[in-house]
C-alpha atoms as a PDB file:
ATOM      1  CA  UNK A   1     -57.056  57.319 -54.503  1.00  0.00           C
ATOM      2  CA  UNK A   2     -54.502  57.109 -51.536  1.00  0.00           C
ATOM      3  CA  UNK A   3     -51.456  58.802 -51.788  1.00  0.00           C
ATOM      4  CA  UNK A   4     -47.946  56.293 -51.821  1.00  0.00           C
ATOM      5  CA  UNK A   5     -44.856  57.010 -50.738  1.00  0.00           C
ATOM      6  CA  UNK A   6     -41.251  55.288 -51.142  1.00  0.00           C
ATOM      7  CA  UNK A   7     -37.681  56.143 -49.304  1.00  0.00           C
ATOM      8  CA  UNK A   8     -34.478  54.492 -50.539  1.00  0.00           C
ATOM      9  CA  UNK A   9     -31.644  56.143 -48.078  1.00  0.00           C
ATOM     10  CA  UNK A  10     -28.575  53.530 -48.609  1.00  0.00           C
ATOM     11  CA  UNK A  11     -26.253  55.651 -46.731  1.00  0.00           C
ATOM     12  CA  UNK A  12     -28.112  56.155 -43.481  1.00  0.00           C
ATOM     13  CA  UNK A  13     -30.744  54.153 -43.868  1.00  0.00           C
ATOM     14  CA  UNK A  14     -34.696  55.261 -44.045  1.00  0.00           C
ATOM     15  CA  UNK A  15     -36.932  56.281 -41.467  1.00  0.00           C
ATOM     16  CA  UNK A  16     -39.875  56.618 -40.538  1.00  0.00           C
ATOM     17  CA  UNK A  17     -39.835  60.084 -39.866  1.00  0.00           C
ATOM     18  CA  UNK A  18     -38.629  60.854 -44.045  1.00  0.00           C
ATOM     19  CA  UNK A  19     -42.122  58.802 -45.118  1.00  0.00           C
ATOM     20  CA  UNK A  20     -44.296  60.726 -42.984  1.00  0.00           C
ATOM     21  CA  UNK A  21     -43.019  64.262 -43.411  1.00  0.00           C
ATOM     22  CA  UNK A  22     -43.900  63.134 -47.139  1.00  0.00           C
ATOM     23  CA  UNK A  23     -46.865  61.577 -46.242  1.00  0.00           C
ATOM     24  CA  UNK A  24     -47.730  64.919 -44.422  1.00  0.00           C
ATOM     25  CA  UNK A  25     -47.697  66.263 -48.181  1.00  0.00           C
ATOM     26  CA  UNK A  26     -50.217  63.602 -49.120  1.00  0.00           C
ATOM     27  CA  UNK A  27     -52.916  63.509 -46.133  1.00  0.00           C
ATOM     28  CA  UNK A  28     -55.692  65.095 -48.331  1.00  0.00           C
ATOM     29  CA  UNK A  29     -55.321  61.929 -50.329  1.00  0.00           C
ATOM     30  CA  UNK A  30     -56.352  59.559 -47.541  1.00  0.00           C
ATOM     31  CA  UNK A  31     -58.159  60.913 -44.722  1.00  0.00           C
ATOM     32  CA  UNK A  32     -58.790  57.433 -43.506  1.00  0.00           C
ATOM     33  CA  UNK A  33     -55.265  56.738 -42.062  1.00  0.00           C
ATOM     34  CA  UNK A  34     -51.936  57.087 -42.723  1.00  0.00           C
ATOM     35  CA  UNK A  35     -49.651  54.197 -41.850  1.00  0.00           C
ATOM     36  CA  UNK A  36     -45.546  54.296 -42.432  1.00  0.00           C
ATOM     37  CA  UNK A  37     -42.765  51.269 -42.389  1.00  0.00           C
ATOM     38  CA  UNK A  38     -39.300  51.242 -42.195  1.00  0.00           C
ATOM     39  CA  UNK A  39     -36.416  49.287 -42.028  1.00  0.00           C
ATOM     40  CA  UNK A  40     -32.597  49.583 -43.096  1.00  0.00           C
ATOM     41  CA  UNK A  41     -32.493  51.425 -46.408  1.00  0.00           C
ATOM     42  CA  UNK A  42     -36.500  51.633 -46.936  1.00  0.00           C
ATOM     43  CA  UNK A  43     -39.189  53.023 -46.104  1.00  0.00           C
ATOM     44  CA  UNK A  44     -43.028  52.977 -47.419  1.00  0.00           C
ATOM     45  CA  UNK A  45     -46.155  54.456 -46.333  1.00  0.00           C
ATOM     46  CA  UNK A  46     -49.794  54.655 -46.981  1.00  0.00           C
ATOM     47  CA  UNK A  47     -52.196  57.971 -46.925  1.00  0.00           C
ATOM     48  CA  UNK A  48     -55.221  55.831 -47.469  1.00  0.00           C
ATOM     49  CA  UNK A  49     -58.691  56.440 -49.143  1.00  0.00           C
ATOM     50  CA  UNK A  50     -61.066  54.057 -47.951  1.00  0.00           C
ATOM     51  CA  UNK A  51     -63.550  53.426 -50.964  1.00  0.00           C
ATOM     52  CA  UNK A  52     -65.918  50.471 -49.562  1.00  0.00           C
ATOM     53  CA  UNK A  53     -65.791  49.313 -45.825  1.00  0.00           C
ATOM     54  CA  UNK A  54     -63.861  46.126 -47.028  1.00  0.00           C
ATOM     55  CA  UNK A  55     -61.231  48.962 -47.893  1.00  0.00           C
ATOM     56  CA  UNK A  56     -60.248  50.270 -44.255  1.00  0.00           C
ATOM     57  CA  UNK A  57     -57.971  47.337 -43.233  1.00  0.00           C
ATOM     58  CA  UNK A  58     -54.350  47.827 -41.918  1.00  0.00           C
ATOM     59  CA  UNK A  59     -52.360  50.839 -43.773  1.00  0.00           C
ATOM     60  CA  UNK A  60     -49.407  48.437 -43.676  1.00  0.00           C
ATOM     61  CA  UNK A  61     -49.348  44.648 -44.560  1.00  0.00           C
ATOM     62  CA  UNK A  62     -46.463  42.648 -43.448  1.00  0.00           C
ATOM     63  CA  UNK A  63     -45.682  38.647 -44.082  1.00  0.00           C
ATOM     64  CA  UNK A  64     -42.089  37.825 -43.245  1.00  0.00           C
ATOM     65  CA  UNK A  65     -39.981  39.259 -45.479  1.00  0.00           C
ATOM     66  CA  UNK A  66     -42.048  41.123 -47.663  1.00  0.00           C
ATOM     67  CA  UNK A  67     -43.543  44.657 -46.897  1.00  0.00           C
ATOM     68  CA  UNK A  68     -46.378  46.276 -49.462  1.00  0.00           C
ATOM     69  CA  UNK A  69     -48.471  49.220 -49.654  1.00  0.00           C
ATOM     70  CA  UNK A  70     -50.827  49.754 -51.982  1.00  0.00           C
ATOM     71  CA  UNK A  71     -54.426  51.124 -53.388  1.00  0.00           C
ATOM     72  CA  UNK A  72     -56.435  48.203 -54.248  1.00  0.00           C
ATOM     73  CA  UNK A  73     -60.083  46.490 -54.076  1.00  0.00           C
ATOM     74  CA  UNK A  74     -60.561  42.713 -54.255  1.00  0.00           C
ATOM     75  CA  UNK A  75     -64.160  42.589 -55.945  1.00  0.00           C
ATOM     76  CA  UNK A  76     -66.059  39.401 -57.183  1.00  0.00           C
ATOM     77  CA  UNK A  77     -66.139  38.983 -60.495  1.00  0.00           C
ATOM     78  CA  UNK A  78     -69.487  37.710 -62.527  1.00  0.00           C
ATOM     79  CA  UNK A  79     -69.292  36.181 -66.029  1.00  0.00           C
ATOM     80  CA  UNK A  80     -71.758  37.037 -68.344  1.00  0.00           C
ATOM     81  CA  UNK A  81     -72.606  34.754 -71.294  1.00  0.00           C
END
């Protein structure tokens, strides 16, 4: 399982460095890559552990005003009758 971190720093604003320091403690959780992002009071990071070939995508997904990190696998579900 990957390691995830989040920072909320209202007074000074969060930084990538804060997330990176936290990720350094979780590096063993994600040997497939470390990634972090910060803007304003928020910072997010992920120490990624890829369990399938499809899981080797970017560490931080950005879509307009939405930023997310997560540990997920999308698999095809087959209905058995």
